[in-house]
Amino acid sequence: MEKDTKSLVEAVEDAGIVAKIICVNDKYLGKEFLGTTVTRQLLKDLPANVDPCGENGEYHTLVIDAPFFKEKMHVLQGEIVYKKYPSEDGNWDSSFYYLDMILEE
């Protein structure tokens, strides 16, 4: 049974889990989404063709805080890197923006 991913985003926020977007597929999202926290506000900002949880590879996250963590990860945003991955047969390609996250010591 499939779950409503919009409700999952809301449940994650309600649970106190903090996840930052660190990678976006440029076919779906622009690099301006990098560093964004996954919240109800994000649900309002996402294009209609993007799954709220990024379940189709639209974006990937890094969880930096959660109630079950010993302590919050303190991170700084680093460099944005763009990578393009063509298929071997030339029939498709995928391009991604990545955000380096630097762990503060």
PDB file of N, CA and C in Angstrom:
ATOM      1  N   MET A   1       0.835  -1.177   0.000  1.00  0.00           N
ATOM      2  CA  MET A   1       0.000   0.000   0.000  1.00  0.00           C
ATOM      3  C   MET A   1       0.881   1.241   0.000  1.00  0.00           C
ATOM      4  N   GLU A   2       0.612   2.146  -0.911  1.00  0.00           N
ATOM      5  CA  GLU A   2       1.370   3.382  -0.987  1.00  0.00           C
ATOM      6  C   GLU A   2       0.895   4.355   0.081  1.00  0.00           C
ATOM      7  N   LYS A   3       1.844   5.085   0.647  1.00  0.00           N
ATOM      8  CA  LYS A   3       1.521   6.104   1.648  1.00  0.00           C
ATOM      9  C   LYS A   3       1.488   7.466   0.968  1.00  0.00           C
ATOM     10  N   ASP A   4       0.680   8.353   1.519  1.00  0.00           N
ATOM     11  CA  ASP A   4       0.622   9.724   1.051  1.00  0.00           C
ATOM     12  C   ASP A   4       1.900  10.429   1.510  1.00  0.00           C
ATOM     13  N   THR A   5       2.776  10.759   0.575  1.00  0.00           N
ATOM     14  CA  THR A   5       4.081  11.312   0.963  1.00  0.00           C
ATOM     15  C   THR A   5       3.975  12.729   1.514  1.00  0.00           C
ATOM     16  N   LYS A   6       2.916  13.444   1.180  1.00  0.00           N
ATOM     17  CA  LYS A   6       2.697  14.757   1.799  1.00  0.00           C
ATOM     18  C   LYS A   6       2.502  14.570   3.309  1.00  0.00           C
ATOM     19  N   SER A   7       1.712  13.582   3.687  1.00  0.00           N
ATOM     20  CA  SER A   7       1.495  13.288   5.108  1.00  0.00           C
ATOM     21  C   SER A   7       2.778  12.846   5.788  1.00  0.00           C
ATOM     22  N   LEU A   8       3.634  12.137   5.054  1.00  0.00           N
ATOM     23  CA  LEU A   8       4.916  11.711   5.633  1.00  0.00           C
ATOM     24  C   LEU A   8       5.808  12.909   5.944  1.00  0.00           C
ATOM     25  N   VAL A   9       5.829  13.902   5.059  1.00  0.00           N
ATOM     26  CA  VAL A   9       6.604  15.124   5.322  1.00  0.00           C
ATOM     27  C   VAL A   9       6.077  15.796   6.583  1.00  0.00           C
ATOM     28  N   GLU A  10       4.769  15.878   6.709  1.00  0.00           N
ATOM     29  CA  GLU A  10       4.172  16.490   7.888  1.00  0.00           C
ATOM     30  C   GLU A  10       4.520  15.702   9.150  1.00  0.00           C
ATOM     31  N   ALA A  11       4.493  14.371   9.073  1.00  0.00           N
ATOM     32  CA  ALA A  11       4.824  13.523  10.223  1.00  0.00           C
ATOM     33  C   ALA A  11       6.291  13.683  10.627  1.00  0.00           C
ATOM     34  N   VAL A  12       7.172  13.794   9.634  1.00  0.00           N
ATOM     35  CA  VAL A  12       8.599  13.991   9.910  1.00  0.00           C
ATOM     36  C   VAL A  12       8.810  15.318  10.639  1.00  0.00           C
ATOM     37  N   GLU A  13       8.183  16.369  10.147  1.00  0.00           N
ATOM     38  CA  GLU A  13       8.307  17.676  10.801  1.00  0.00           C
ATOM     39  C   GLU A  13       7.731  17.616  12.218  1.00  0.00           C
ATOM     40  N   ASP A  14       6.569  17.020  12.384  1.00  0.00           N
ATOM     41  CA  ASP A  14       5.937  16.915  13.699  1.00  0.00           C
ATOM     42  C   ASP A  14       6.791  16.109  14.681  1.00  0.00           C
ATOM     43  N   ALA A  15       7.549  15.144  14.170  1.00  0.00           N
ATOM     44  CA  ALA A  15       8.399  14.305  15.016  1.00  0.00           C
ATOM     45  C   ALA A  15       9.694  15.002  15.432  1.00  0.00           C
ATOM     46  N   GLY A  16       9.950  16.189  14.870  1.00  0.00           N
ATOM     47  CA  GLY A  16      11.165  16.912  15.221  1.00  0.00           C
ATOM     48  C   GLY A  16      12.390  16.500  14.427  1.00  0.00           C
ATOM     49  N   ILE A  17      12.176  15.843  13.300  1.00  0.00           N
ATOM     50  CA  ILE A  17      13.277  15.436  12.429  1.00  0.00           C
ATOM     51  C   ILE A  17      13.581  16.576  11.473  1.00  0.00           C
ATOM     52  N   VAL A  18      14.858  16.948  11.394  1.00  0.00           N
ATOM     53  CA  VAL A  18      15.290  18.040  10.523  1.00  0.00           C
ATOM     54  C   VAL A  18      16.151  17.453   9.405  1.00  0.00           C
ATOM     55  N   ALA A  19      15.649  17.573   8.175  1.00  0.00           N
ATOM     56  CA  ALA A  19      16.365  17.075   7.003  1.00  0.00           C
ATOM     57  C   ALA A  19      16.575  18.225   6.032  1.00  0.00           C
ATOM     58  N   LYS A  20      17.795  18.348   5.526  1.00  0.00           N
ATOM     59  CA  LYS A  20      18.153  19.389   4.563  1.00  0.00           C
ATOM     60  C   LYS A  20      18.331  18.766   3.181  1.00  0.00           C
ATOM     61  N   ILE A  21      17.863  19.454   2.159  1.00  0.00           N
ATOM     62  CA  ILE A  21      18.060  18.989   0.782  1.00  0.00           C
ATOM     63  C   ILE A  21      19.514  19.236   0.394  1.00  0.00           C
ATOM     64  N   ILE A  22      20.200  18.159  -0.003  1.00  0.00           N
ATOM     65  CA  ILE A  22      21.626  18.276  -0.363  1.00  0.00           C
ATOM     66  C   ILE A  22      21.905  17.879  -1.809  1.00  0.00           C
ATOM     67  N   CYS A  23      20.885  17.407  -2.524  1.00  0.00           N
ATOM     68  CA  CYS A  23      21.060  17.011  -3.921  1.00  0.00           C
ATOM     69  C   CYS A  23      19.724  17.189  -4.633  1.00  0.00           C
ATOM     70  N   VAL A  24      19.745  17.778  -5.821  1.00  0.00           N
ATOM     71  CA  VAL A  24      18.534  17.905  -6.637  1.00  0.00           C
ATOM     72  C   VAL A  24      18.814  17.438  -8.061  1.00  0.00           C
ATOM     73  N   ASN A  25      17.842  16.748  -8.624  1.00  0.00           N
ATOM     74  CA  ASN A  25      17.876  16.373 -10.032  1.00  0.00           C
ATOM     75  C   ASN A  25      17.391  17.592 -10.805  1.00  0.00           C
ATOM     76  N   ASP A  26      18.232  18.128 -11.674  1.00  0.00           N
ATOM     77  CA  ASP A  26      17.874  19.400 -12.327  1.00  0.00           C
ATOM     78  C   ASP A  26      16.738  19.274 -13.337  1.00  0.00           C
ATOM     79  N   LYS A  27      16.255  18.068 -13.604  1.00  0.00           N
ATOM     80  CA  LYS A  27      15.062  17.919 -14.431  1.00  0.00           C
ATOM     81  C   LYS A  27      13.802  18.301 -13.652  1.00  0.00           C
ATOM     82  N   TYR A  28      13.929  18.343 -12.324  1.00  0.00           N
ATOM     83  CA  TYR A  28      12.769  18.606 -11.479  1.00  0.00           C
ATOM     84  C   TYR A  28      12.902  19.868 -10.627  1.00  0.00           C
ATOM     85  N   LEU A  29      14.091  20.130 -10.127  1.00  0.00           N
ATOM     86  CA  LEU A  29      14.289  21.249  -9.194  1.00  0.00           C
ATOM     87  C   LEU A  29      15.559  22.012  -9.531  1.00  0.00           C
ATOM     88  N   GLY A  30      15.548  23.294  -9.217  1.00  0.00           N
ATOM     89  CA  GLY A  30      16.737  24.118  -9.403  1.00  0.00           C
ATOM     90  C   GLY A  30      17.632  24.093  -8.173  1.00  0.00           C
ATOM     91  N   LYS A  31      18.828  24.560  -8.348  1.00  0.00           N
ATOM     92  CA  LYS A  31      19.795  24.530  -7.249  1.00  0.00           C
ATOM     93  C   LYS A  31      19.386  25.423  -6.077  1.00  0.00           C
ATOM     94  N   GLU A  32      18.412  26.311  -6.286  1.00  0.00           N
ATOM     95  CA  GLU A  32      17.954  27.162  -5.183  1.00  0.00           C
ATOM     96  C   GLU A  32      17.281  26.352  -4.071  1.00  0.00           C
ATOM     97  N   PHE A  33      16.919  25.105  -4.339  1.00  0.00           N
ATOM     98  CA  PHE A  33      16.334  24.252  -3.306  1.00  0.00           C
ATOM     99  C   PHE A  33      17.395  23.634  -2.396  1.00  0.00           C
ATOM    100  N   LEU A  34      18.659  23.677  -2.809  1.00  0.00           N
ATOM    101  CA  LEU A  34      19.720  23.115  -1.968  1.00  0.00           C
ATOM    102  C   LEU A  34      19.780  23.849  -0.631  1.00  0.00           C
ATOM    103  N   GLY A  35      19.907  23.081   0.437  1.00  0.00           N
ATOM    104  CA  GLY A  35      19.987  23.656   1.777  1.00  0.00           C
ATOM    105  C   GLY A  35      18.634  23.894   2.420  1.00  0.00           C
ATOM    106  N   THR A  36      17.554  23.682   1.669  1.00  0.00           N
ATOM    107  CA  THR A  36      16.212  23.885   2.192  1.00  0.00           C
ATOM    108  C   THR A  36      15.865  22.766   3.172  1.00  0.00           C
ATOM    109  N   THR A  37      15.197  23.127   4.257  1.00  0.00           N
ATOM    110  CA  THR A  37      14.723  22.140   5.219  1.00  0.00           C
ATOM    111  C   THR A  37      13.392  21.577   4.730  1.00  0.00           C
ATOM    112  N   VAL A  38      13.219  20.266   4.877  1.00  0.00           N
ATOM    113  CA  VAL A  38      11.987  19.603   4.459  1.00  0.00           C
ATOM    114  C   VAL A  38      10.915  19.882   5.523  1.00  0.00           C
ATOM    115  N   THR A  39       9.944  20.717   5.148  1.00  0.00           N
ATOM    116  CA  THR A  39       8.867  21.154   6.045  1.00  0.00           C
ATOM    117  C   THR A  39       7.571  21.303   5.256  1.00  0.00           C
ATOM    118  N   ARG A  40       6.541  21.691   5.954  1.00  0.00           N
ATOM    119  CA  ARG A  40       5.271  21.989   5.289  1.00  0.00           C
ATOM    120  C   ARG A  40       5.435  23.134   4.288  1.00  0.00           C
ATOM    121  N   GLN A  41       6.304  24.085   4.606  1.00  0.00           N
ATOM    122  CA  GLN A  41       6.544  25.193   3.669  1.00  0.00           C
ATOM    123  C   GLN A  41       7.116  24.671   2.358  1.00  0.00           C
ATOM    124  N   LEU A  42       8.007  23.696   2.430  1.00  0.00           N
ATOM    125  CA  LEU A  42       8.561  23.102   1.211  1.00  0.00           C
ATOM    126  C   LEU A  42       7.442  22.527   0.348  1.00  0.00           C
ATOM    127  N   LEU A  43       6.447  21.905   0.979  1.00  0.00           N
ATOM    128  CA  LEU A  43       5.323  21.343   0.226  1.00  0.00           C
ATOM    129  C   LEU A  43       4.650  22.402  -0.638  1.00  0.00           C
ATOM    130  N   LYS A  44       4.577  23.615  -0.133  1.00  0.00           N
ATOM    131  CA  LYS A  44       3.965  24.719  -0.881  1.00  0.00           C
ATOM    132  C   LYS A  44       4.851  25.194  -2.034  1.00  0.00           C
ATOM    133  N   ASP A  45       6.170  25.030  -1.866  1.00  0.00           N
ATOM    134  CA  ASP A  45       7.126  25.555  -2.839  1.00  0.00           C
ATOM    135  C   ASP A  45       7.484  24.576  -3.955  1.00  0.00           C
ATOM    136  N   LEU A  46       7.237  23.291  -3.737  1.00  0.00           N
ATOM    137  CA  LEU A  46       7.606  22.285  -4.734  1.00  0.00           C
ATOM    138  C   LEU A  46       6.698  22.358  -5.961  1.00  0.00           C
ATOM    139  N   PRO A  47       7.272  22.179  -7.160  1.00  0.00           N
ATOM    140  CA  PRO A  47       6.447  22.077  -8.363  1.00  0.00           C
ATOM    141  C   PRO A  47       5.511  20.864  -8.260  1.00  0.00           C
ATOM    142  N   ALA A  48       4.399  20.901  -8.964  1.00  0.00           N
ATOM    143  CA  ALA A  48       3.380  19.846  -8.900  1.00  0.00           C
ATOM    144  C   ALA A  48       3.913  18.474  -9.312  1.00  0.00           C
ATOM    145  N   ASN A  49       4.924  18.436 -10.174  1.00  0.00           N
ATOM    146  CA  ASN A  49       5.446  17.152 -10.674  1.00  0.00           C
ATOM    147  C   ASN A  49       6.494  16.531  -9.753  1.00  0.00           C
ATOM    148  N   VAL A  50       6.734  17.119  -8.574  1.00  0.00           N
ATOM    149  CA  VAL A  50       7.745  16.612  -7.648  1.00  0.00           C
ATOM    150  C   VAL A  50       7.067  15.942  -6.460  1.00  0.00           C
ATOM    151  N   ASP A  51       7.458  14.703  -6.177  1.00  0.00           N
ATOM    152  CA  ASP A  51       6.930  13.998  -5.015  1.00  0.00           C
ATOM    153  C   ASP A  51       7.388  14.721  -3.748  1.00  0.00           C
ATOM    154  N   PRO A  52       6.495  14.922  -2.780  1.00  0.00           N
ATOM    155  CA  PRO A  52       6.866  15.648  -1.558  1.00  0.00           C
ATOM    156  C   PRO A  52       8.078  15.077  -0.813  1.00  0.00           C
ATOM    157  N   CYS A  53       8.281  13.765  -0.908  1.00  0.00           N
ATOM    158  CA  CYS A  53       9.432  13.133  -0.248  1.00  0.00           C
ATOM    159  C   CYS A  53      10.584  12.863  -1.218  1.00  0.00           C
ATOM    160  N   GLY A  54      10.451  13.296  -2.461  1.00  0.00           N
ATOM    161  CA  GLY A  54      11.499  13.037  -3.446  1.00  0.00           C
ATOM    162  C   GLY A  54      11.614  11.566  -3.807  1.00  0.00           C
ATOM    163  N   GLU A  55      10.501  10.829  -3.720  1.00  0.00           N
ATOM    164  CA  GLU A  55      10.517   9.380  -3.911  1.00  0.00           C
ATOM    165  C   GLU A  55      10.867   8.939  -5.330  1.00  0.00           C
ATOM    166  N   ASN A  56      10.859   9.836  -6.276  1.00  0.00           N
ATOM    167  CA  ASN A  56      11.207   9.491  -7.655  1.00  0.00           C
ATOM    168  C   ASN A  56      12.581  10.029  -8.045  1.00  0.00           C
ATOM    169  N   GLY A  57      13.395  10.308  -7.043  1.00  0.00           N
ATOM    170  CA  GLY A  57      14.754  10.783  -7.288  1.00  0.00           C
ATOM    171  C   GLY A  57      14.864  12.266  -7.556  1.00  0.00           C
ATOM    172  N   GLU A  58      13.821  13.036  -7.245  1.00  0.00           N
ATOM    173  CA  GLU A  58      13.852  14.469  -7.495  1.00  0.00           C
ATOM    174  C   GLU A  58      14.848  15.185  -6.583  1.00  0.00           C
ATOM    175  N   TYR A  59      14.960  14.703  -5.353  1.00  0.00           N
ATOM    176  CA  TYR A  59      15.915  15.282  -4.409  1.00  0.00           C
ATOM    177  C   TYR A  59      16.313  14.265  -3.350  1.00  0.00           C
ATOM    178  N   HIS A  60      17.432  14.549  -2.674  1.00  0.00           N
ATOM    179  CA  HIS A  60      17.943  13.701  -1.596  1.00  0.00           C
ATOM    180  C   HIS A  60      18.301  14.598  -0.415  1.00  0.00           C
ATOM    181  N   THR A  61      18.248  14.012   0.775  1.00  0.00           N
ATOM    182  CA  THR A  61      18.423  14.808   1.989  1.00  0.00           C
ATOM    183  C   THR A  61      19.501  14.254   2.905  1.00  0.00           C
ATOM    184  N   LEU A  62      19.864  15.093   3.860  1.00  0.00           N
ATOM    185  CA  LEU A  62      20.724  14.725   4.977  1.00  0.00           C
ATOM    186  C   LEU A  62      19.971  15.097   6.247  1.00  0.00           C
ATOM    187  N   VAL A  63      19.734  14.121   7.127  1.00  0.00           N
ATOM    188  CA  VAL A  63      19.087  14.402   8.406  1.00  0.00           C
ATOM    189  C   VAL A  63      20.161  14.927   9.356  1.00  0.00           C
ATOM    190  N   ILE A  64      19.920  16.136   9.886  1.00  0.00           N
ATOM    191  CA  ILE A  64      20.909  16.749  10.773  1.00  0.00           C
ATOM    192  C   ILE A  64      20.451  16.784  12.226  1.00  0.00           C
ATOM    193  N   ASP A  65      19.163  16.506  12.465  1.00  0.00           N
ATOM    194  CA  ASP A  65      18.677  16.474  13.831  1.00  0.00           C
ATOM    195  C   ASP A  65      17.431  15.607  13.900  1.00  0.00           C
ATOM    196  N   ALA A  66      17.305  14.892  15.008  1.00  0.00           N
ATOM    197  CA  ALA A  66      16.143  14.051  15.266  1.00  0.00           C
ATOM    198  C   ALA A  66      16.117  13.730  16.753  1.00  0.00           C
ATOM    199  N   PRO A  67      14.950  13.469  17.297  1.00  0.00           N
ATOM    200  CA  PRO A  67      14.854  13.169  18.726  1.00  0.00           C
ATOM    201  C   PRO A  67      15.708  11.977  19.163  1.00  0.00           C
ATOM    202  N   PHE A  68      15.982  11.064  18.263  1.00  0.00           N
ATOM    203  CA  PHE A  68      16.774   9.884  18.601  1.00  0.00           C
ATOM    204  C   PHE A  68      18.267  10.088  18.381  1.00  0.00           C
ATOM    205  N   PHE A  69      18.692  11.274  17.929  1.00  0.00           N
ATOM    206  CA  PHE A  69      20.114  11.601  17.817  1.00  0.00           C
ATOM    207  C   PHE A  69      20.646  11.955  19.205  1.00  0.00           C
ATOM    208  N   LYS A  70      21.886  11.610  19.458  1.00  0.00           N
ATOM    209  CA  LYS A  70      22.528  12.011  20.711  1.00  0.00           C
ATOM    210  C   LYS A  70      22.637  13.533  20.774  1.00  0.00           C
ATOM    211  N   GLU A  71      22.981  14.134  19.634  1.00  0.00           N
ATOM    212  CA  GLU A  71      23.036  15.587  19.526  1.00  0.00           C
ATOM    213  C   GLU A  71      22.858  15.987  18.072  1.00  0.00           C
ATOM    214  N   LYS A  72      22.477  17.239  17.870  1.00  0.00           N
ATOM    215  CA  LYS A  72      22.282  17.773  16.526  1.00  0.00           C
ATOM    216  C   LYS A  72      23.625  17.845  15.796  1.00  0.00           C
ATOM    217  N   MET A  73      23.611  17.561  14.501  1.00  0.00           N
ATOM    218  CA  MET A  73      24.793  17.762  13.670  1.00  0.00           C
ATOM    219  C   MET A  73      24.852  19.243  13.306  1.00  0.00           C
ATOM    220  N   HIS A  74      25.954  19.875  13.587  1.00  0.00           N
ATOM    221  CA  HIS A  74      26.130  21.281  13.212  1.00  0.00           C
ATOM    222  C   HIS A  74      26.924  21.306  11.916  1.00  0.00           C
ATOM    223  N   VAL A  75      26.276  21.802  10.872  1.00  0.00           N
ATOM    224  CA  VAL A  75      26.880  21.771   9.542  1.00  0.00           C
ATOM    225  C   VAL A  75      26.877  23.162   8.928  1.00  0.00           C
ATOM    226  N   LEU A  76      27.844  23.370   8.070  1.00  0.00           N
ATOM    227  CA  LEU A  76      27.931  24.581   7.259  1.00  0.00           C
ATOM    228  C   LEU A  76      27.706  24.180   5.811  1.00  0.00           C
ATOM    229  N   GLN A  77      27.076  25.069   5.062  1.00  0.00           N
ATOM    230  CA  GLN A  77      26.907  24.795   3.639  1.00  0.00           C
ATOM    231  C   GLN A  77      28.201  25.115   2.914  1.00  0.00           C
ATOM    232  N   GLY A  78      28.619  24.177   2.082  1.00  0.00           N
ATOM    233  CA  GLY A  78      29.848  24.347   1.326  1.00  0.00           C
ATOM    234  C   GLY A  78      29.561  24.637  -0.141  1.00  0.00           C
ATOM    235  N   GLU A  79      30.404  24.107  -0.965  1.00  0.00           N
ATOM    236  CA  GLU A  79      30.364  24.332  -2.407  1.00  0.00           C
ATOM    237  C   GLU A  79      29.185  23.608  -3.064  1.00  0.00           C
ATOM    238  N   ILE A  80      28.644  24.202  -4.113  1.00  0.00           N
ATOM    239  CA  ILE A  80      27.638  23.548  -4.953  1.00  0.00           C
ATOM    240  C   ILE A  80      28.360  22.981  -6.168  1.00  0.00           C
ATOM    241  N   VAL A  81      28.117  21.712  -6.437  1.00  0.00           N
ATOM    242  CA  VAL A  81      28.778  21.016  -7.545  1.00  0.00           C
ATOM    243  C   VAL A  81      27.703  20.511  -8.509  1.00  0.00           C
ATOM    244  N   TYR A  82      27.937  20.679  -9.804  1.00  0.00           N
ATOM    245  CA  TYR A  82      27.020  20.204 -10.843  1.00  0.00           C
ATOM    246  C   TYR A  82      27.666  19.027 -11.561  1.00  0.00           C
ATOM    247  N   LYS A  83      26.918  17.933 -11.698  1.00  0.00           N
ATOM    248  CA  LYS A  83      27.429  16.747 -12.392  1.00  0.00           C
ATOM    249  C   LYS A  83      26.378  16.259 -13.377  1.00  0.00           C
ATOM    250  N   LYS A  84      26.834  15.871 -14.561  1.00  0.00           N
ATOM    251  CA  LYS A  84      25.961  15.322 -15.596  1.00  0.00           C
ATOM    252  C   LYS A  84      26.389  13.879 -15.853  1.00  0.00           C
ATOM    253  N   TYR A  85      25.416  12.985 -15.880  1.00  0.00           N
ATOM    254  CA  TYR A  85      25.681  11.557 -16.042  1.00  0.00           C
ATOM    255  C   TYR A  85      24.962  11.037 -17.288  1.00  0.00           C
ATOM    256  N   PRO A  86      25.642  10.983 -18.431  1.00  0.00           N
ATOM    257  CA  PRO A  86      25.001  10.437 -19.643  1.00  0.00           C
ATOM    258  C   PRO A  86      24.986   8.902 -19.584  1.00  0.00           C
ATOM    259  N   SER A  87      23.987   8.315 -20.248  1.00  0.00           N
ATOM    260  CA  SER A  87      23.957   6.851 -20.317  1.00  0.00           C
ATOM    261  C   SER A  87      24.996   6.388 -21.334  1.00  0.00           C
ATOM    262  N   GLU A  88      25.395   5.135 -21.195  1.00  0.00           N
ATOM    263  CA  GLU A  88      26.391   4.586 -22.119  1.00  0.00           C
ATOM    264  C   GLU A  88      25.867   4.518 -23.541  1.00  0.00           C
ATOM    265  N   ASP A  89      24.564   4.305 -23.705  1.00  0.00           N
ATOM    266  CA  ASP A  89      24.002   4.193 -25.055  1.00  0.00           C
ATOM    267  C   ASP A  89      23.570   5.549 -25.626  1.00  0.00           C
ATOM    268  N   GLY A  90      23.673   6.604 -24.816  1.00  0.00           N
ATOM    269  CA  GLY A  90      23.347   7.948 -25.289  1.00  0.00           C
ATOM    270  C   GLY A  90      21.866   8.267 -25.358  1.00  0.00           C
ATOM    271  N   ASN A  91      21.025   7.382 -24.835  1.00  0.00           N
ATOM    272  CA  ASN A  91      19.580   7.588 -24.918  1.00  0.00           C
ATOM    273  C   ASN A  91      19.015   8.479 -23.818  1.00  0.00           C
ATOM    274  N   TRP A  92      19.752   8.744 -22.773  1.00  0.00           N
ATOM    275  CA  TRP A  92      19.262   9.581 -21.682  1.00  0.00           C
ATOM    276  C   TRP A  92      20.446  10.176 -20.940  1.00  0.00           C
ATOM    277  N   ASP A  93      20.172  11.141 -20.128  1.00  0.00           N
ATOM    278  CA  ASP A  93      21.179  11.657 -19.215  1.00  0.00           C
ATOM    279  C   ASP A  93      20.475  12.205 -17.987  1.00  0.00           C
ATOM    280  N   SER A  94      21.203  12.262 -16.918  1.00  0.00           N
ATOM    281  CA  SER A  94      20.699  12.844 -15.678  1.00  0.00           C
ATOM    282  C   SER A  94      21.734  13.838 -15.185  1.00  0.00           C
ATOM    283  N   SER A  95      21.263  14.949 -14.659  1.00  0.00           N
ATOM    284  CA  SER A  95      22.155  15.984 -14.142  1.00  0.00           C
ATOM    285  C   SER A  95      21.684  16.361 -12.738  1.00  0.00           C
ATOM    286  N   PHE A  96      22.655  16.557 -11.866  1.00  0.00           N
ATOM    287  CA  PHE A  96      22.354  16.835 -10.470  1.00  0.00           C
ATOM    288  C   PHE A  96      23.200  17.984  -9.956  1.00  0.00           C
ATOM    289  N   TYR A  97      22.613  18.745  -9.032  1.00  0.00           N
ATOM    290  CA  TYR A  97      23.359  19.699  -8.224  1.00  0.00           C
ATOM    291  C   TYR A  97      23.529  19.085  -6.850  1.00  0.00           C
ATOM    292  N   TYR A  98      24.746  19.153  -6.326  1.00  0.00           N
ATOM    293  CA  TYR A  98      25.066  18.631  -5.003  1.00  0.00           C
ATOM    294  C   TYR A  98      25.538  19.794  -4.123  1.00  0.00           C
ATOM    295  N   LEU A  99      25.134  19.753  -2.871  1.00  0.00           N
ATOM    296  CA  LEU A  99      25.585  20.748  -1.890  1.00  0.00           C
ATOM    297  C   LEU A  99      26.482  20.052  -0.882  1.00  0.00           C
ATOM    298  N   ASP A 100      27.741  20.464  -0.848  1.00  0.00           N
ATOM    299  CA  ASP A 100      28.647  19.947   0.174  1.00  0.00           C
ATOM    300  C   ASP A 100      28.210  20.462   1.528  1.00  0.00           C
ATOM    301  N   MET A 101      28.128  19.575   2.494  1.00  0.00           N
ATOM    302  CA  MET A 101      27.815  19.957   3.864  1.00  0.00           C
ATOM    303  C   MET A 101      29.056  19.649   4.710  1.00  0.00           C
ATOM    304  N   ILE A 102      29.508  20.649   5.431  1.00  0.00           N
ATOM    305  CA  ILE A 102      30.741  20.520   6.200  1.00  0.00           C
ATOM    306  C   ILE A 102      30.370  20.425   7.672  1.00  0.00           C
ATOM    307  N   LEU A 103      30.792  19.356   8.306  1.00  0.00           N
ATOM    308  CA  LEU A 103      30.514  19.142   9.721  1.00  0.00           C
ATOM    309  C   LEU A 103      31.401  20.061  10.555  1.00  0.00           C
ATOM    310  N   GLU A 104      30.769  20.884  11.389  1.00  0.00           N
ATOM    311  CA  GLU A 104      31.526  21.771  12.282  1.00  0.00           C
ATOM    312  C   GLU A 104      32.099  20.926  13.407  1.00  0.00           C
ATOM    313  N   GLU A 105      33.333  21.216  13.766  1.00  0.00           N
ATOM    314  CA  GLU A 105      33.970  20.459  14.859  1.00  0.00           C
ATOM    315  C   GLU A 105      33.918  21.234  16.145  1.00  0.00           C
TER     316      GLU A 105
END
